[in-house]
Amino acid sequence: EEVDFIRLNAGSVSFISPLSTGCIIVPSKTGCTKWKERKCREIPQKKFSMYEEGCFPHNGRILRNCQTREELVPAPTSLSVCGRRVERSCLGPCFNCEDFCRPQYENTCWRNHEVRKEVETRSVDGRDIYVESEELESLYSCSQRKIGDICAPVNCRFIEEEEECTQKNETEYFTLKQRTCDVCVQRLTETVHRSTD
């Protein structure tokens, strides 16, 4: 059918073959020129963030050009233990008397430190600077514990003397760090992707 069509048109036209998909009939000895058809569709635009070279994520932010400074800081610590001596004062001997007891306690208090991290963003000459600093926080706490009982007959009474304490002081050293970085500026970029069906 294709050859007859070409003869009827004196071999002067080219046409798409109705029998073979992707074939163009041309007036030549080759008879058929193949082609491929490709359909494309656009995927909706997507926006994504772009940052300058050298930027990296840290603590929920995008930073660059970080510098760290260290400082050795002394921190005094102390430990004290205090208690009251109790004496018995009796009116005399008490035969067949029951004893009664009273607990004795001592208090221990100490002061020490822990490193706490502070984070802030400052504006310097129109640029945002990320500052991460370590600071010392003083802690003071006390506890009480039972160290024994003192007992006496019921005709006695207990007399508390003045509180006595022993204290130990020391100096502990901490290395505190401060980190400063430039905050990277975010730029939004759009892209269009084309997909082939």
C-alpha atoms as a PDB file:
ATOM      1  CA  GLU A   1       0.000   0.000   0.000  1.00  0.00           C
ATOM      2  CA  GLU A   2       2.828   2.374   0.872  1.00  0.00           C
ATOM      3  CA  VAL A   3       4.642   1.730  -2.434  1.00  0.00           C
ATOM      4  CA  ASP A   4       1.449   2.258  -4.436  1.00  0.00           C
ATOM      5  CA  PHE A   5       0.823   5.519  -2.590  1.00  0.00           C
ATOM      6  CA  ILE A   6       4.298   6.779  -3.486  1.00  0.00           C
ATOM      7  CA  ARG A   7       3.824   5.785  -7.150  1.00  0.00           C
ATOM      8  CA  LEU A   8       0.502   7.595  -7.357  1.00  0.00           C
ATOM      9  CA  ASN A   9       2.142  10.740  -5.999  1.00  0.00           C
ATOM     10  CA  ALA A  10       5.069  10.456  -8.454  1.00  0.00           C
ATOM     11  CA  GLY A  11       7.501   9.879  -5.593  1.00  0.00           C
ATOM     12  CA  SER A  12       7.407  13.538  -4.590  1.00  0.00           C
ATOM     13  CA  VAL A  13       6.008  13.341  -1.041  1.00  0.00           C
ATOM     14  CA  SER A  14       6.937  11.873   2.350  1.00  0.00           C
ATOM     15  CA  PHE A  15       4.354  10.586   4.786  1.00  0.00           C
ATOM     16  CA  ILE A  16       4.028   8.743   8.102  1.00  0.00           C
ATOM     17  CA  SER A  17       3.545   5.053   7.608  1.00  0.00           C
ATOM     18  CA  PRO A  18       0.129   3.860   8.768  1.00  0.00           C
ATOM     19  CA  LEU A  19       1.505   0.332   9.216  1.00  0.00           C
ATOM     20  CA  SER A  20       4.703   0.978  11.187  1.00  0.00           C
ATOM     21  CA  THR A  21       4.724   3.359  14.172  1.00  0.00           C
ATOM     22  CA  GLY A  22       7.698   5.672  14.148  1.00  0.00           C
ATOM     23  CA  CYS A  23       8.388   5.328  10.412  1.00  0.00           C
ATOM     24  CA  ILE A  24       8.430   8.063   7.751  1.00  0.00           C
ATOM     25  CA  ILE A  25       8.159   6.911   4.144  1.00  0.00           C
ATOM     26  CA  VAL A  26      10.422   8.996   1.884  1.00  0.00           C
ATOM     27  CA  PRO A  27      11.014   8.822  -1.885  1.00  0.00           C
ATOM     28  CA  SER A  28      14.380   7.082  -1.734  1.00  0.00           C
ATOM     29  CA  LYS A  29      15.864   3.624  -1.886  1.00  0.00           C
ATOM     30  CA  THR A  30      16.022   3.371   1.912  1.00  0.00           C
ATOM     31  CA  GLY A  31      12.268   3.347   2.066  1.00  0.00           C
ATOM     32  CA  CYS A  32      11.825   4.230   5.765  1.00  0.00           C
ATOM     33  CA  THR A  33      13.365   6.777   8.170  1.00  0.00           C
ATOM     34  CA  LYS A  34      12.893   5.923  11.857  1.00  0.00           C
ATOM     35  CA  TRP A  35      12.229   8.449  14.599  1.00  0.00           C
ATOM     36  CA  LYS A  36      11.503   8.422  18.342  1.00  0.00           C
ATOM     37  CA  GLU A  37       8.902  10.501  20.081  1.00  0.00           C
ATOM     38  CA  ARG A  38       9.421  11.704  23.649  1.00  0.00           C
ATOM     39  CA  LYS A  39       6.813  13.455  25.774  1.00  0.00           C
ATOM     40  CA  CYS A  40       7.895  15.696  28.659  1.00  0.00           C
ATOM     41  CA  ARG A  41       5.997  17.179  31.577  1.00  0.00           C
ATOM     42  CA  GLU A  42       7.029  19.819  34.069  1.00  0.00           C
ATOM     43  CA  ILE A  43       7.202  19.015  37.766  1.00  0.00           C
ATOM     44  CA  PRO A  44       5.970  21.874  39.996  1.00  0.00           C
ATOM     45  CA  GLN A  45       8.661  24.295  41.131  1.00  0.00           C
ATOM     46  CA  LYS A  46      10.471  23.502  44.361  1.00  0.00           C
ATOM     47  CA  LYS A  47      12.264  25.944  46.634  1.00  0.00           C
ATOM     48  CA  PHE A  48      15.374  24.947  48.557  1.00  0.00           C
ATOM     49  CA  SER A  49      17.827  26.774  50.767  1.00  0.00           C
ATOM     50  CA  MET A  50      21.275  27.810  49.615  1.00  0.00           C
ATOM     51  CA  TYR A  51      24.110  28.964  51.858  1.00  0.00           C
ATOM     52  CA  GLU A  52      27.592  30.294  51.355  1.00  0.00           C
ATOM     53  CA  GLU A  53      30.509  27.926  51.061  1.00  0.00           C
ATOM     54  CA  GLY A  54      31.839  26.670  54.382  1.00  0.00           C
ATOM     55  CA  CYS A  55      28.490  26.783  56.214  1.00  0.00           C
ATOM     56  CA  PHE A  56      27.535  23.877  58.463  1.00  0.00           C
ATOM     57  CA  PRO A  57      24.671  23.061  60.863  1.00  0.00           C
ATOM     58  CA  HIS A  58      25.256  23.405  64.606  1.00  0.00           C
ATOM     59  CA  ASN A  59      22.791  23.536  67.480  1.00  0.00           C
ATOM     60  CA  GLY A  60      19.850  24.298  65.180  1.00  0.00           C
ATOM     61  CA  ARG A  61      21.666  27.042  63.267  1.00  0.00           C
ATOM     62  CA  ILE A  62      23.772  27.317  60.093  1.00  0.00           C
ATOM     63  CA  LEU A  63      27.219  28.747  60.915  1.00  0.00           C
ATOM     64  CA  ARG A  64      30.643  29.473  59.459  1.00  0.00           C
ATOM     65  CA  ASN A  65      33.991  31.042  60.441  1.00  0.00           C
ATOM     66  CA  CYS A  66      33.914  29.741  64.025  1.00  0.00           C
ATOM     67  CA  GLN A  67      36.585  30.719  66.547  1.00  0.00           C
ATOM     68  CA  THR A  68      37.083  29.218  70.015  1.00  0.00           C
ATOM     69  CA  ARG A  69      38.715  30.909  73.004  1.00  0.00           C
ATOM     70  CA  GLU A  70      39.617  29.123  76.253  1.00  0.00           C
ATOM     71  CA  GLU A  71      40.117  30.545  79.743  1.00  0.00           C
ATOM     72  CA  LEU A  72      41.331  28.812  82.922  1.00  0.00           C
ATOM     73  CA  VAL A  73      39.169  29.940  85.860  1.00  0.00           C
ATOM     74  CA  PRO A  74      39.730  29.155  89.581  1.00  0.00           C
ATOM     75  CA  ALA A  75      36.693  28.192  91.639  1.00  0.00           C
ATOM     76  CA  PRO A  76      36.837  27.878  95.472  1.00  0.00           C
ATOM     77  CA  THR A  77      35.074  24.854  96.972  1.00  0.00           C
ATOM     78  CA  SER A  78      34.363  24.044 100.601  1.00  0.00           C
ATOM     79  CA  LEU A  79      33.148  21.180 102.776  1.00  0.00           C
ATOM     80  CA  SER A  80      31.969  21.693 106.350  1.00  0.00           C
ATOM     81  CA  VAL A  81      30.726  19.192 108.928  1.00  0.00           C
ATOM     82  CA  CYS A  82      28.913  20.522 112.002  1.00  0.00           C
ATOM     83  CA  GLY A  83      27.425  18.897 115.086  1.00  0.00           C
ATOM     84  CA  ARG A  84      26.489  19.598 118.730  1.00  0.00           C
ATOM     85  CA  ARG A  85      27.969  17.742 121.669  1.00  0.00           C
ATOM     86  CA  VAL A  86      25.338  16.674 124.194  1.00  0.00           C
ATOM     87  CA  GLU A  87      26.119  16.216 127.903  1.00  0.00           C
ATOM     88  CA  ARG A  88      24.025  14.403 130.535  1.00  0.00           C
ATOM     89  CA  SER A  89      23.099  16.144 133.759  1.00  0.00           C
ATOM     90  CA  CYS A  90      21.653  13.782 136.389  1.00  0.00           C
ATOM     91  CA  LEU A  91      20.199  14.521 139.854  1.00  0.00           C
ATOM     92  CA  GLY A  92      21.822  11.461 141.299  1.00  0.00           C
ATOM     93  CA  PRO A  93      21.770   7.717 140.968  1.00  0.00           C
ATOM     94  CA  CYS A  94      18.500   6.205 139.892  1.00  0.00           C
ATOM     95  CA  PHE A  95      18.308   2.505 140.604  1.00  0.00           C
ATOM     96  CA  ASN A  96      16.105   0.375 138.381  1.00  0.00           C
ATOM     97  CA  CYS A  97      15.230   3.409 136.285  1.00  0.00           C
ATOM     98  CA  GLU A  98      14.558   3.021 132.616  1.00  0.00           C
ATOM     99  CA  ASP A  99      16.848   4.734 130.135  1.00  0.00           C
ATOM    100  CA  PHE A 100      15.626   7.017 127.440  1.00  0.00           C
ATOM    101  CA  CYS A 101      17.631   7.864 124.329  1.00  0.00           C
ATOM    102  CA  ARG A 102      18.002  10.807 122.066  1.00  0.00           C
ATOM    103  CA  PRO A 103      19.401  10.658 118.511  1.00  0.00           C
ATOM    104  CA  GLN A 104      22.399  12.729 117.541  1.00  0.00           C
ATOM    105  CA  TYR A 105      22.896  14.246 114.105  1.00  0.00           C
ATOM    106  CA  GLU A 106      25.581  16.022 112.134  1.00  0.00           C
ATOM    107  CA  ASN A 107      25.115  18.403 109.218  1.00  0.00           C
ATOM    108  CA  THR A 108      27.316  18.323 106.158  1.00  0.00           C
ATOM    109  CA  CYS A 109      27.347  21.280 103.744  1.00  0.00           C
ATOM    110  CA  TRP A 110      29.361  21.718 100.613  1.00  0.00           C
ATOM    111  CA  ARG A 111      29.855  24.375  97.988  1.00  0.00           C
ATOM    112  CA  ASN A 112      30.999  23.432  94.487  1.00  0.00           C
ATOM    113  CA  HIS A 113      30.475  24.458  90.879  1.00  0.00           C
ATOM    114  CA  GLU A 114      29.235  23.135  87.575  1.00  0.00           C
ATOM    115  CA  VAL A 115      29.712  24.372  84.026  1.00  0.00           C
ATOM    116  CA  ARG A 116      26.599  25.820  82.383  1.00  0.00           C
ATOM    117  CA  LYS A 117      26.317  26.709  78.680  1.00  0.00           C
ATOM    118  CA  GLU A 118      24.740  29.944  77.473  1.00  0.00           C
ATOM    119  CA  VAL A 119      23.773  30.589  73.828  1.00  0.00           C
ATOM    120  CA  GLU A 120      22.849  33.914  72.247  1.00  0.00           C
ATOM    121  CA  THR A 121      22.832  35.701  68.885  1.00  0.00           C
ATOM    122  CA  ARG A 122      24.221  39.240  68.714  1.00  0.00           C
ATOM    123  CA  SER A 123      24.066  41.810  65.954  1.00  0.00           C
ATOM    124  CA  VAL A 124      27.480  43.345  65.169  1.00  0.00           C
ATOM    125  CA  ASP A 125      27.871  45.828  62.299  1.00  0.00           C
ATOM    126  CA  GLY A 126      24.757  44.478  60.598  1.00  0.00           C
ATOM    127  CA  ARG A 127      25.880  40.841  60.893  1.00  0.00           C
ATOM    128  CA  ASP A 128      24.423  38.183  63.169  1.00  0.00           C
ATOM    129  CA  ILE A 129      27.036  36.574  65.428  1.00  0.00           C
ATOM    130  CA  TYR A 130      26.393  33.312  67.239  1.00  0.00           C
ATOM    131  CA  VAL A 131      27.982  33.188  70.722  1.00  0.00           C
ATOM    132  CA  GLU A 132      28.210  29.996  72.769  1.00  0.00           C
ATOM    133  CA  SER A 133      29.731  30.583  76.228  1.00  0.00           C
ATOM    134  CA  GLU A 134      30.488  28.338  79.181  1.00  0.00           C
ATOM    135  CA  GLU A 135      29.938  29.835  82.623  1.00  0.00           C
ATOM    136  CA  LEU A 136      30.396  28.617  86.179  1.00  0.00           C
ATOM    137  CA  GLU A 137      27.348  28.192  88.381  1.00  0.00           C
ATOM    138  CA  SER A 138      27.843  27.934  92.156  1.00  0.00           C
ATOM    139  CA  LEU A 139      26.002  25.152  93.955  1.00  0.00           C
ATOM    140  CA  TYR A 140      25.390  25.026  97.710  1.00  0.00           C
ATOM    141  CA  SER A 141      23.648  22.173  99.482  1.00  0.00           C
ATOM    142  CA  CYS A 142      23.462  20.499 102.888  1.00  0.00           C
ATOM    143  CA  SER A 143      22.472  17.123 104.242  1.00  0.00           C
ATOM    144  CA  GLN A 144      21.856  15.715 107.686  1.00  0.00           C
ATOM    145  CA  ARG A 145      22.631  12.212 108.935  1.00  0.00           C
ATOM    146  CA  LYS A 146      22.208  10.365 112.173  1.00  0.00           C
ATOM    147  CA  ILE A 147      25.494   9.482 113.838  1.00  0.00           C
ATOM    148  CA  GLY A 148      24.172   7.648 116.928  1.00  0.00           C
ATOM    149  CA  ASP A 149      22.102   7.855 120.108  1.00  0.00           C
ATOM    150  CA  ILE A 150      22.852   9.191 123.563  1.00  0.00           C
ATOM    151  CA  CYS A 151      21.013   7.510 126.442  1.00  0.00           C
ATOM    152  CA  ALA A 152      20.478   8.317 130.146  1.00  0.00           C
ATOM    153  CA  PRO A 153      18.167   7.383 133.050  1.00  0.00           C
ATOM    154  CA  VAL A 154      14.875   9.218 133.316  1.00  0.00           C
ATOM    155  CA  ASN A 155      16.179  11.415 136.160  1.00  0.00           C
ATOM    156  CA  CYS A 156      18.715  12.989 133.797  1.00  0.00           C
ATOM    157  CA  ARG A 157      18.468  15.731 131.273  1.00  0.00           C
ATOM    158  CA  PHE A 158      20.492  16.485 128.155  1.00  0.00           C
ATOM    159  CA  ILE A 159      22.408  19.696 127.767  1.00  0.00           C
ATOM    160  CA  GLU A 160      23.440  20.776 124.274  1.00  0.00           C
ATOM    161  CA  GLU A 161      26.710  22.601 123.897  1.00  0.00           C
ATOM    162  CA  GLU A 162      27.672  25.034 121.149  1.00  0.00           C
ATOM    163  CA  GLU A 163      27.858  23.740 117.641  1.00  0.00           C
ATOM    164  CA  GLU A 164      31.287  22.619 116.502  1.00  0.00           C
ATOM    165  CA  CYS A 165      32.315  22.601 112.847  1.00  0.00           C
ATOM    166  CA  THR A 166      35.241  21.415 110.790  1.00  0.00           C
ATOM    167  CA  GLN A 167      35.774  22.929 107.390  1.00  0.00           C
ATOM    168  CA  LYS A 168      37.938  22.042 104.406  1.00  0.00           C
ATOM    169  CA  ASN A 169      38.601  24.550 101.619  1.00  0.00           C
ATOM    170  CA  GLU A 170      40.047  23.792  98.193  1.00  0.00           C
ATOM    171  CA  THR A 171      40.406  25.483  94.816  1.00  0.00           C
ATOM    172  CA  GLU A 172      39.253  23.718  91.680  1.00  0.00           C
ATOM    173  CA  TYR A 173      40.146  24.886  88.162  1.00  0.00           C
ATOM    174  CA  PHE A 174      37.852  24.844  85.151  1.00  0.00           C
ATOM    175  CA  THR A 175      38.643  25.449  81.475  1.00  0.00           C
ATOM    176  CA  LEU A 176      35.802  27.548  80.070  1.00  0.00           C
ATOM    177  CA  LYS A 177      35.280  27.883  76.326  1.00  0.00           C
ATOM    178  CA  GLN A 178      33.668  30.619  74.271  1.00  0.00           C
ATOM    179  CA  ARG A 179      32.758  29.978  70.647  1.00  0.00           C
ATOM    180  CA  THR A 180      31.833  32.742  68.195  1.00  0.00           C
ATOM    181  CA  CYS A 181      30.596  32.123  64.642  1.00  0.00           C
ATOM    182  CA  ASP A 182      29.053  34.021  61.746  1.00  0.00           C
ATOM    183  CA  VAL A 183      25.435  33.117  61.106  1.00  0.00           C
ATOM    184  CA  CYS A 184      25.004  32.119  57.451  1.00  0.00           C
ATOM    185  CA  VAL A 185      22.412  34.012  55.404  1.00  0.00           C
ATOM    186  CA  GLN A 186      19.767  31.820  53.821  1.00  0.00           C
ATOM    187  CA  ARG A 187      18.871  32.260  50.168  1.00  0.00           C
ATOM    188  CA  LEU A 188      15.901  30.535  48.512  1.00  0.00           C
ATOM    189  CA  THR A 189      16.428  29.091  45.033  1.00  0.00           C
ATOM    190  CA  GLU A 190      13.734  27.756  42.701  1.00  0.00           C
ATOM    191  CA  THR A 191      14.232  24.868  40.302  1.00  0.00           C
ATOM    192  CA  VAL A 192      12.088  23.393  37.531  1.00  0.00           C
ATOM    193  CA  HIS A 193      12.552  19.703  36.782  1.00  0.00           C
ATOM    194  CA  ARG A 194      11.303  18.053  33.622  1.00  0.00           C
ATOM    195  CA  SER A 195      10.350  14.439  33.628  1.00  0.00           C
ATOM    196  CA  THR A 196      10.144  12.138  30.602  1.00  0.00           C
ATOM    197  CA  ASP A 197       7.111   9.905  30.300  1.00  0.00           C
END
